[in-house]
């Protein structure tokens, strides 16, 4: 488990991988202390990737380095960091009487009442589905709007903590 800005991220749910010139080596440890542990006797191109659960966003998704045993980040003991950007909020706007279908073209806004500068907006796709990525932990209000449609329940308040949020059937036409 690691922490990013006070949010506990369960490292057991994601994989780290090293790629040595096209071959993948799955790493079971949480942190890489040194590539010297992998007996790299010659200069090698290495790609370090993070494979988090679907919907978790880290940047960059991978680092490519040339390990030479002298001047590379690993040999110098310089950290290689993957910056956690946020989770995904997924869901659908449904039409009354239908549990899994909704209209496309509905504007869905996601805003944090705590941090006014955080505001995301998207349009629903076929079936009324929507998705937001890179959503940091916090409290949010989801609102649906459309110029010609009215909604029986047009908003939904929730909190993103330490996982993706699935919001189904909470906003209804």
C-alpha atoms as a PDB file:
ATOM      1  CA  UNK A   1       0.000   0.000   0.000  1.00  0.00           C
ATOM      2  CA  UNK A   2       1.286   3.464  -0.791  1.00  0.00           C
ATOM      3  CA  UNK A   3      -0.097   6.918  -0.211  1.00  0.00           C
ATOM      4  CA  UNK A   4      -0.515   9.792  -2.621  1.00  0.00           C
ATOM      5  CA  UNK A   5      -1.681  13.086  -1.138  1.00  0.00           C
ATOM      6  CA  UNK A   6      -3.319  11.244   1.764  1.00  0.00           C
ATOM      7  CA  UNK A   7      -5.122   8.673  -0.419  1.00  0.00           C
ATOM      8  CA  UNK A   8      -4.228   5.049   0.235  1.00  0.00           C
ATOM      9  CA  UNK A   9      -3.568   3.214  -3.017  1.00  0.00           C
ATOM     10  CA  UNK A  10      -3.574  -0.544  -2.579  1.00  0.00           C
ATOM     11  CA  UNK A  11      -0.488  -1.611  -4.512  1.00  0.00           C
ATOM     12  CA  UNK A  12      -1.630  -5.237  -4.367  1.00  0.00           C
ATOM     13  CA  UNK A  13      -4.219  -4.304  -7.021  1.00  0.00           C
ATOM     14  CA  UNK A  14      -1.668  -3.250  -9.653  1.00  0.00           C
ATOM     15  CA  UNK A  15       1.363  -4.773 -11.321  1.00  0.00           C
ATOM     16  CA  UNK A  16       4.776  -3.399 -12.073  1.00  0.00           C
ATOM     17  CA  UNK A  17       6.737  -4.769 -15.019  1.00  0.00           C
ATOM     18  CA  UNK A  18      10.215  -4.456 -16.410  1.00  0.00           C
ATOM     19  CA  UNK A  19      10.796  -5.076 -20.099  1.00  0.00           C
ATOM     20  CA  UNK A  20      14.293  -6.138 -21.115  1.00  0.00           C
ATOM     21  CA  UNK A  21      14.627  -5.687 -24.869  1.00  0.00           C
ATOM     22  CA  UNK A  22      11.163  -7.042 -25.609  1.00  0.00           C
ATOM     23  CA  UNK A  23      10.831  -9.612 -22.820  1.00  0.00           C
ATOM     24  CA  UNK A  24       8.642  -8.837 -19.812  1.00  0.00           C
ATOM     25  CA  UNK A  25       9.679  -9.698 -16.279  1.00  0.00           C
ATOM     26  CA  UNK A  26       6.879  -9.396 -13.743  1.00  0.00           C
ATOM     27  CA  UNK A  27       7.995  -7.797 -10.502  1.00  0.00           C
ATOM     28  CA  UNK A  28       6.284  -8.838  -7.282  1.00  0.00           C
ATOM     29  CA  UNK A  29       7.816  -6.189  -5.050  1.00  0.00           C
ATOM     30  CA  UNK A  30       6.187  -2.816  -4.488  1.00  0.00           C
ATOM     31  CA  UNK A  31       9.244  -0.662  -5.145  1.00  0.00           C
ATOM     32  CA  UNK A  32      12.320  -0.945  -7.355  1.00  0.00           C
ATOM     33  CA  UNK A  33      15.413  -0.202  -5.293  1.00  0.00           C
ATOM     34  CA  UNK A  34      17.986  -1.000  -7.936  1.00  0.00           C
ATOM     35  CA  UNK A  35      18.116  -2.623 -11.326  1.00  0.00           C
ATOM     36  CA  UNK A  36      21.422  -4.124 -10.196  1.00  0.00           C
ATOM     37  CA  UNK A  37      19.304  -6.796  -8.480  1.00  0.00           C
ATOM     38  CA  UNK A  38      18.446  -8.119 -11.939  1.00  0.00           C
ATOM     39  CA  UNK A  39      22.066  -8.850 -12.865  1.00  0.00           C
ATOM     40  CA  UNK A  40      22.388  -6.501 -15.802  1.00  0.00           C
ATOM     41  CA  UNK A  41      26.037  -7.084 -16.721  1.00  0.00           C
ATOM     42  CA  UNK A  42      25.893  -5.001 -19.867  1.00  0.00           C
ATOM     43  CA  UNK A  43      24.205  -1.838 -21.031  1.00  0.00           C
ATOM     44  CA  UNK A  44      20.525  -2.557 -21.690  1.00  0.00           C
ATOM     45  CA  UNK A  45      17.463  -0.672 -22.781  1.00  0.00           C
ATOM     46  CA  UNK A  46      14.839  -1.150 -20.051  1.00  0.00           C
ATOM     47  CA  UNK A  47      11.184  -0.129 -20.032  1.00  0.00           C
ATOM     48  CA  UNK A  48       9.532   0.169 -16.616  1.00  0.00           C
ATOM     49  CA  UNK A  49       5.729   0.109 -16.812  1.00  0.00           C
ATOM     50  CA  UNK A  50       2.943   0.379 -14.292  1.00  0.00           C
ATOM     51  CA  UNK A  51      -0.267  -1.558 -14.924  1.00  0.00           C
ATOM     52  CA  UNK A  52      -2.845  -0.219 -12.452  1.00  0.00           C
ATOM     53  CA  UNK A  53      -6.449  -1.411 -12.273  1.00  0.00           C
ATOM     54  CA  UNK A  54      -8.648  -0.182 -15.103  1.00  0.00           C
ATOM     55  CA  UNK A  55      -9.625   3.430 -14.597  1.00  0.00           C
ATOM     56  CA  UNK A  56      -6.656   4.408 -12.404  1.00  0.00           C
ATOM     57  CA  UNK A  57      -4.435   6.938 -14.180  1.00  0.00           C
ATOM     58  CA  UNK A  58      -0.700   7.348 -13.639  1.00  0.00           C
ATOM     59  CA  UNK A  59       1.626   9.512 -15.696  1.00  0.00           C
ATOM     60  CA  UNK A  60       3.783   8.688 -17.402  1.00  0.00           C
ATOM     61  CA  UNK A  61       2.522   5.143 -18.027  1.00  0.00           C
ATOM     62  CA  UNK A  62       6.117   3.976 -18.582  1.00  0.00           C
ATOM     63  CA  UNK A  63       9.766   5.012 -18.365  1.00  0.00           C
ATOM     64  CA  UNK A  64      12.344   3.946 -20.902  1.00  0.00           C
ATOM     65  CA  UNK A  65      15.964   4.102 -19.779  1.00  0.00           C
ATOM     66  CA  UNK A  66      19.321   2.866 -20.965  1.00  0.00           C
ATOM     67  CA  UNK A  67      20.902   1.086 -17.994  1.00  0.00           C
ATOM     68  CA  UNK A  68      24.681   1.335 -18.196  1.00  0.00           C
ATOM     69  CA  UNK A  69      25.578   0.744 -14.562  1.00  0.00           C
ATOM     70  CA  UNK A  70      27.102   4.215 -14.188  1.00  0.00           C
ATOM     71  CA  UNK A  71      25.155   7.236 -15.431  1.00  0.00           C
ATOM     72  CA  UNK A  72      21.535   6.061 -15.576  1.00  0.00           C
ATOM     73  CA  UNK A  73      18.899   7.018 -12.965  1.00  0.00           C
ATOM     74  CA  UNK A  74      18.887   3.590 -11.344  1.00  0.00           C
ATOM     75  CA  UNK A  75      22.661   3.326 -11.000  1.00  0.00           C
ATOM     76  CA  UNK A  76      22.784   6.835  -9.513  1.00  0.00           C
ATOM     77  CA  UNK A  77      19.977   6.034  -7.061  1.00  0.00           C
ATOM     78  CA  UNK A  78      17.629   8.645  -8.575  1.00  0.00           C
ATOM     79  CA  UNK A  79      13.958   7.832  -8.059  1.00  0.00           C
ATOM     80  CA  UNK A  80      11.745   6.990 -11.005  1.00  0.00           C
ATOM     81  CA  UNK A  81       8.254   8.175 -10.106  1.00  0.00           C
ATOM     82  CA  UNK A  82       4.840   7.476 -11.571  1.00  0.00           C
ATOM     83  CA  UNK A  83       2.513  10.352 -10.668  1.00  0.00           C
ATOM     84  CA  UNK A  84      -1.018   9.289  -9.705  1.00  0.00           C
ATOM     85  CA  UNK A  85      -3.524  11.518 -11.533  1.00  0.00           C
ATOM     86  CA  UNK A  86      -6.837  10.097 -10.325  1.00  0.00           C
ATOM     87  CA  UNK A  87      -9.608   7.563 -10.666  1.00  0.00           C
ATOM     88  CA  UNK A  88     -12.451   7.154 -13.165  1.00  0.00           C
ATOM     89  CA  UNK A  89     -16.093   8.017 -12.645  1.00  0.00           C
ATOM     90  CA  UNK A  90     -18.323   5.933 -14.906  1.00  0.00           C
ATOM     91  CA  UNK A  91     -22.069   5.654 -15.210  1.00  0.00           C
ATOM     92  CA  UNK A  92     -25.191   6.247 -17.196  1.00  0.00           C
ATOM     93  CA  UNK A  93     -28.138   8.609 -17.409  1.00  0.00           C
ATOM     94  CA  UNK A  94     -31.232   6.451 -17.750  1.00  0.00           C
ATOM     95  CA  UNK A  95     -34.686   6.989 -19.193  1.00  0.00           C
ATOM     96  CA  UNK A  96     -37.527   6.371 -16.726  1.00  0.00           C
ATOM     97  CA  UNK A  97     -38.841   2.832 -17.122  1.00  0.00           C
ATOM     98  CA  UNK A  98     -35.590   1.470 -18.607  1.00  0.00           C
ATOM     99  CA  UNK A  99     -32.886   0.318 -16.200  1.00  0.00           C
ATOM    100  CA  UNK A 100     -29.912   0.309 -18.537  1.00  0.00           C
ATOM    101  CA  UNK A 101     -30.745   2.645 -21.419  1.00  0.00           C
ATOM    102  CA  UNK A 102     -30.678   6.374 -21.693  1.00  0.00           C
ATOM    103  CA  UNK A 103     -30.397   9.208 -24.175  1.00  0.00           C
ATOM    104  CA  UNK A 104     -27.196  10.209 -25.938  1.00  0.00           C
ATOM    105  CA  UNK A 105     -26.156  13.859 -26.131  1.00  0.00           C
ATOM    106  CA  UNK A 106     -26.965  14.740 -22.518  1.00  0.00           C
ATOM    107  CA  UNK A 107     -24.429  17.120 -20.968  1.00  0.00           C
ATOM    108  CA  UNK A 108     -23.014  15.611 -17.775  1.00  0.00           C
ATOM    109  CA  UNK A 109     -21.070  17.930 -15.480  1.00  0.00           C
ATOM    110  CA  UNK A 110     -18.907  16.801 -12.587  1.00  0.00           C
ATOM    111  CA  UNK A 111     -17.942  19.518 -10.124  1.00  0.00           C
ATOM    112  CA  UNK A 112     -16.353  19.654  -6.693  1.00  0.00           C
ATOM    113  CA  UNK A 113     -18.134  21.989  -4.266  1.00  0.00           C
ATOM    114  CA  UNK A 114     -14.908  22.014  -2.205  1.00  0.00           C
ATOM    115  CA  UNK A 115     -12.574  23.016  -5.042  1.00  0.00           C
ATOM    116  CA  UNK A 116     -14.445  25.275  -7.452  1.00  0.00           C
ATOM    117  CA  UNK A 117     -11.767  25.070 -10.134  1.00  0.00           C
ATOM    118  CA  UNK A 118     -12.401  21.330 -10.547  1.00  0.00           C
ATOM    119  CA  UNK A 119     -15.117  20.990 -13.178  1.00  0.00           C
ATOM    120  CA  UNK A 120     -15.369  18.319 -15.860  1.00  0.00           C
ATOM    121  CA  UNK A 121     -17.946  18.031 -18.633  1.00  0.00           C
ATOM    122  CA  UNK A 122     -18.833  15.369 -21.191  1.00  0.00           C
ATOM    123  CA  UNK A 123     -21.761  14.203 -23.364  1.00  0.00           C
ATOM    124  CA  UNK A 124     -23.488  10.864 -22.908  1.00  0.00           C
ATOM    125  CA  UNK A 125     -22.928   8.279 -25.592  1.00  0.00           C
ATOM    126  CA  UNK A 126     -25.410   5.797 -27.033  1.00  0.00           C
ATOM    127  CA  UNK A 127     -27.330   4.176 -24.186  1.00  0.00           C
ATOM    128  CA  UNK A 128     -26.724   7.172 -21.924  1.00  0.00           C
ATOM    129  CA  UNK A 129     -23.212   6.163 -20.785  1.00  0.00           C
ATOM    130  CA  UNK A 130     -20.560   8.632 -19.652  1.00  0.00           C
ATOM    131  CA  UNK A 131     -17.003   8.477 -18.299  1.00  0.00           C
ATOM    132  CA  UNK A 132     -14.607  10.887 -16.610  1.00  0.00           C
ATOM    133  CA  UNK A 133     -10.893  10.140 -16.072  1.00  0.00           C
ATOM    134  CA  UNK A 134      -8.193  11.602 -13.836  1.00  0.00           C
ATOM    135  CA  UNK A 135     -10.639  12.475 -11.061  1.00  0.00           C
ATOM    136  CA  UNK A 136      -8.822  13.238  -7.797  1.00  0.00           C
ATOM    137  CA  UNK A 137     -10.326  12.117  -4.476  1.00  0.00           C
ATOM    138  CA  UNK A 138     -12.942  14.464  -3.039  1.00  0.00           C
ATOM    139  CA  UNK A 139     -16.642  15.309  -2.893  1.00  0.00           C
ATOM    140  CA  UNK A 140     -18.474  15.847  -6.183  1.00  0.00           C
ATOM    141  CA  UNK A 141     -21.878  16.682  -7.606  1.00  0.00           C
ATOM    142  CA  UNK A 142     -22.857  15.140 -10.938  1.00  0.00           C
ATOM    143  CA  UNK A 143     -25.471  17.044 -12.950  1.00  0.00           C
ATOM    144  CA  UNK A 144     -27.269  16.199 -16.182  1.00  0.00           C
ATOM    145  CA  UNK A 145     -28.754  18.772 -18.542  1.00  0.00           C
ATOM    146  CA  UNK A 146     -30.216  18.911 -22.030  1.00  0.00           C
ATOM    147  CA  UNK A 147     -32.004  21.728 -23.903  1.00  0.00           C
ATOM    148  CA  UNK A 148     -35.121  19.642 -24.704  1.00  0.00           C
ATOM    149  CA  UNK A 149     -35.197  16.926 -22.019  1.00  0.00           C
ATOM    150  CA  UNK A 150     -36.291  17.208 -18.408  1.00  0.00           C
ATOM    151  CA  UNK A 151     -34.969  15.067 -15.583  1.00  0.00           C
ATOM    152  CA  UNK A 152     -36.791  13.585 -12.594  1.00  0.00           C
ATOM    153  CA  UNK A 153     -33.458  13.437 -10.772  1.00  0.00           C
ATOM    154  CA  UNK A 154     -30.880  15.654 -12.461  1.00  0.00           C
ATOM    155  CA  UNK A 155     -28.062  15.594  -9.868  1.00  0.00           C
ATOM    156  CA  UNK A 156     -26.256  13.172  -7.589  1.00  0.00           C
ATOM    157  CA  UNK A 157     -23.713  13.900  -4.818  1.00  0.00           C
ATOM    158  CA  UNK A 158     -20.968  11.395  -3.967  1.00  0.00           C
ATOM    159  CA  UNK A 159     -17.377  11.053  -2.758  1.00  0.00           C
ATOM    160  CA  UNK A 160     -14.380   9.603  -4.602  1.00  0.00           C
ATOM    161  CA  UNK A 161     -12.093   7.977  -2.004  1.00  0.00           C
ATOM    162  CA  UNK A 162      -9.632   5.294  -3.102  1.00  0.00           C
ATOM    163  CA  UNK A 163     -11.244   3.566  -6.083  1.00  0.00           C
ATOM    164  CA  UNK A 164     -13.239   4.175  -9.262  1.00  0.00           C
ATOM    165  CA  UNK A 165     -16.868   5.237  -8.894  1.00  0.00           C
ATOM    166  CA  UNK A 166     -19.690   3.615 -10.824  1.00  0.00           C
ATOM    167  CA  UNK A 167     -22.825   5.748 -10.879  1.00  0.00           C
ATOM    168  CA  UNK A 168     -25.656   3.800 -12.422  1.00  0.00           C
ATOM    169  CA  UNK A 169     -29.312   4.793 -12.457  1.00  0.00           C
ATOM    170  CA  UNK A 170     -28.749   7.789 -10.169  1.00  0.00           C
ATOM    171  CA  UNK A 171     -29.578  10.436 -12.778  1.00  0.00           C
ATOM    172  CA  UNK A 172     -32.913   9.870 -14.548  1.00  0.00           C
ATOM    173  CA  UNK A 173     -34.775  11.487 -17.397  1.00  0.00           C
END
